[in-house]
């Protein structure tokens, strides 16, 4: 598991330590990685952190092939942890693949 954010590496280190996260956090301030997965840089100028992209969730199989993706384009509609867990459990029982 990896989380990607436009935050600076130092901020992500503090966040990982504060929350005791067991996975890596990647700093992607120029959206070089994010755009490859369909996450776009918001042109919003209202309140909120800038720059930012819409939240996304991606599951890759054991070979690195994208098997599940969801880019959230609003405040509702994200997959629940239970739904994602079902995808991951299925992949665990099928050699890391999702058919």
C-alpha atoms as a PDB file:
ATOM      1  CA  UNK A   1       0.000   0.000   0.000  1.00  0.00           C
ATOM      2  CA  UNK A   2       1.225   3.468  -0.889  1.00  0.00           C
ATOM      3  CA  UNK A   3      -0.415   6.846  -0.385  1.00  0.00           C
ATOM      4  CA  UNK A   4       0.361   9.678  -2.798  1.00  0.00           C
ATOM      5  CA  UNK A   5       0.023  13.343  -1.917  1.00  0.00           C
ATOM      6  CA  UNK A   6       1.174  16.719  -3.205  1.00  0.00           C
ATOM      7  CA  UNK A   7       2.476  17.524   0.277  1.00  0.00           C
ATOM      8  CA  UNK A   8       6.213  18.017   0.808  1.00  0.00           C
ATOM      9  CA  UNK A   9       8.276  14.997   1.921  1.00  0.00           C
ATOM     10  CA  UNK A  10       8.888  16.522   5.374  1.00  0.00           C
ATOM     11  CA  UNK A  11       5.147  16.972   5.953  1.00  0.00           C
ATOM     12  CA  UNK A  12       4.475  13.400   4.867  1.00  0.00           C
ATOM     13  CA  UNK A  13       7.196  12.093   7.209  1.00  0.00           C
ATOM     14  CA  UNK A  14       5.563  13.910  10.130  1.00  0.00           C
ATOM     15  CA  UNK A  15       2.138  12.585   9.149  1.00  0.00           C
ATOM     16  CA  UNK A  16       3.429   9.016   8.878  1.00  0.00           C
ATOM     17  CA  UNK A  17       5.124   9.267  12.283  1.00  0.00           C
ATOM     18  CA  UNK A  18       2.152  10.973  13.951  1.00  0.00           C
ATOM     19  CA  UNK A  19      -0.355   8.411  12.687  1.00  0.00           C
ATOM     20  CA  UNK A  20       2.106   5.493  12.864  1.00  0.00           C
ATOM     21  CA  UNK A  21       1.194   4.522   9.309  1.00  0.00           C
ATOM     22  CA  UNK A  22       2.501   1.103   8.202  1.00  0.00           C
ATOM     23  CA  UNK A  23       2.843   2.104   4.528  1.00  0.00           C
ATOM     24  CA  UNK A  24       4.857   4.508   2.406  1.00  0.00           C
ATOM     25  CA  UNK A  25       3.786   8.046   1.544  1.00  0.00           C
ATOM     26  CA  UNK A  26       4.916   9.435  -1.820  1.00  0.00           C
ATOM     27  CA  UNK A  27       5.290  13.160  -2.396  1.00  0.00           C
ATOM     28  CA  UNK A  28       4.007  14.093  -5.873  1.00  0.00           C
ATOM     29  CA  UNK A  29       3.904  17.923  -5.919  1.00  0.00           C
ATOM     30  CA  UNK A  30       3.924  18.222  -9.714  1.00  0.00           C
ATOM     31  CA  UNK A  31       1.281  15.458 -10.229  1.00  0.00           C
ATOM     32  CA  UNK A  32       3.739  13.421 -12.356  1.00  0.00           C
ATOM     33  CA  UNK A  33       2.502  10.113 -10.875  1.00  0.00           C
ATOM     34  CA  UNK A  34      -1.064  11.156 -10.085  1.00  0.00           C
ATOM     35  CA  UNK A  35      -1.878  12.193 -13.652  1.00  0.00           C
ATOM     36  CA  UNK A  36      -0.830   8.735 -14.905  1.00  0.00           C
ATOM     37  CA  UNK A  37      -3.742   7.333 -12.884  1.00  0.00           C
ATOM     38  CA  UNK A  38      -6.313   9.900 -13.972  1.00  0.00           C
ATOM     39  CA  UNK A  39      -5.980  12.219 -10.974  1.00  0.00           C
ATOM     40  CA  UNK A  40      -5.991  15.795 -12.157  1.00  0.00           C
ATOM     41  CA  UNK A  41      -4.722  18.949 -10.514  1.00  0.00           C
ATOM     42  CA  UNK A  42      -7.670  20.994  -9.335  1.00  0.00           C
ATOM     43  CA  UNK A  43      -8.034  24.521 -10.647  1.00  0.00           C
ATOM     44  CA  UNK A  44     -10.314  25.371  -7.736  1.00  0.00           C
ATOM     45  CA  UNK A  45      -9.439  28.663  -6.069  1.00  0.00           C
ATOM     46  CA  UNK A  46     -11.842  28.448  -3.143  1.00  0.00           C
ATOM     47  CA  UNK A  47     -10.939  27.329   0.389  1.00  0.00           C
ATOM     48  CA  UNK A  48      -8.911  24.190   0.881  1.00  0.00           C
ATOM     49  CA  UNK A  49      -5.358  23.088   0.334  1.00  0.00           C
ATOM     50  CA  UNK A  50      -3.841  24.133  -2.987  1.00  0.00           C
ATOM     51  CA  UNK A  51      -2.837  22.459  -5.168  1.00  0.00           C
ATOM     52  CA  UNK A  52      -4.820  19.287  -4.715  1.00  0.00           C
ATOM     53  CA  UNK A  53      -6.369  16.481  -6.712  1.00  0.00           C
ATOM     54  CA  UNK A  54      -9.494  14.447  -6.251  1.00  0.00           C
ATOM     55  CA  UNK A  55      -9.068  11.413  -3.971  1.00  0.00           C
ATOM     56  CA  UNK A  56      -8.448   8.163  -5.807  1.00  0.00           C
ATOM     57  CA  UNK A  57      -8.032   4.511  -4.905  1.00  0.00           C
ATOM     58  CA  UNK A  58      -6.177   2.025  -7.104  1.00  0.00           C
ATOM     59  CA  UNK A  59      -5.535  -1.687  -6.642  1.00  0.00           C
ATOM     60  CA  UNK A  60      -2.820  -3.297  -8.743  1.00  0.00           C
ATOM     61  CA  UNK A  61      -2.426  -7.059  -9.019  1.00  0.00           C
ATOM     62  CA  UNK A  62       0.736  -9.044  -8.320  1.00  0.00           C
ATOM     63  CA  UNK A  63       2.040  -8.252 -11.830  1.00  0.00           C
ATOM     64  CA  UNK A  64       1.418  -4.499 -11.498  1.00  0.00           C
ATOM     65  CA  UNK A  65      -1.704  -4.494 -13.669  1.00  0.00           C
ATOM     66  CA  UNK A  66      -4.434  -2.075 -12.600  1.00  0.00           C
ATOM     67  CA  UNK A  67      -7.389  -4.182 -11.421  1.00  0.00           C
ATOM     68  CA  UNK A  68      -9.607  -1.711  -9.564  1.00  0.00           C
ATOM     69  CA  UNK A  69      -9.792   2.065  -9.626  1.00  0.00           C
ATOM     70  CA  UNK A  70     -12.038   4.746  -8.297  1.00  0.00           C
ATOM     71  CA  UNK A  71     -11.485   8.483  -8.603  1.00  0.00           C
ATOM     72  CA  UNK A  72     -13.806  10.434  -6.363  1.00  0.00           C
ATOM     73  CA  UNK A  73     -15.161  13.505  -8.111  1.00  0.00           C
ATOM     74  CA  UNK A  74     -17.197  14.780  -5.194  1.00  0.00           C
ATOM     75  CA  UNK A  75     -17.724  14.421  -1.466  1.00  0.00           C
ATOM     76  CA  UNK A  76     -19.739  11.187  -1.798  1.00  0.00           C
ATOM     77  CA  UNK A  77     -19.412   7.917  -3.612  1.00  0.00           C
ATOM     78  CA  UNK A  78     -16.127   6.465  -2.374  1.00  0.00           C
ATOM     79  CA  UNK A  79     -15.940   2.714  -1.936  1.00  0.00           C
ATOM     80  CA  UNK A  80     -16.314   1.624   1.664  1.00  0.00           C
ATOM     81  CA  UNK A  81     -13.429  -0.118   3.429  1.00  0.00           C
ATOM     82  CA  UNK A  82     -15.541  -3.298   3.380  1.00  0.00           C
ATOM     83  CA  UNK A  83     -15.911  -3.164  -0.409  1.00  0.00           C
ATOM     84  CA  UNK A  84     -12.184  -2.682  -0.884  1.00  0.00           C
ATOM     85  CA  UNK A  85     -11.486  -5.485   1.580  1.00  0.00           C
ATOM     86  CA  UNK A  86     -13.568  -7.853  -0.569  1.00  0.00           C
ATOM     87  CA  UNK A  87     -11.452  -6.994  -3.632  1.00  0.00           C
ATOM     88  CA  UNK A  88      -8.232  -7.523  -1.690  1.00  0.00           C
ATOM     89  CA  UNK A  89      -9.399 -10.814  -0.143  1.00  0.00           C
ATOM     90  CA  UNK A  90     -10.400 -12.114  -3.561  1.00  0.00           C
ATOM     91  CA  UNK A  91      -6.958 -11.198  -4.901  1.00  0.00           C
ATOM     92  CA  UNK A  92      -5.269 -12.864  -1.932  1.00  0.00           C
ATOM     93  CA  UNK A  93      -7.007 -16.142  -2.756  1.00  0.00           C
ATOM     94  CA  UNK A  94      -6.238 -15.905  -6.497  1.00  0.00           C
ATOM     95  CA  UNK A  95      -2.461 -15.427  -6.525  1.00  0.00           C
ATOM     96  CA  UNK A  96      -2.692 -11.634  -6.342  1.00  0.00           C
ATOM     97  CA  UNK A  97      -4.941 -11.330  -9.386  1.00  0.00           C
ATOM     98  CA  UNK A  98      -8.449 -10.011  -9.846  1.00  0.00           C
ATOM     99  CA  UNK A  99     -10.292 -11.575 -12.795  1.00  0.00           C
END
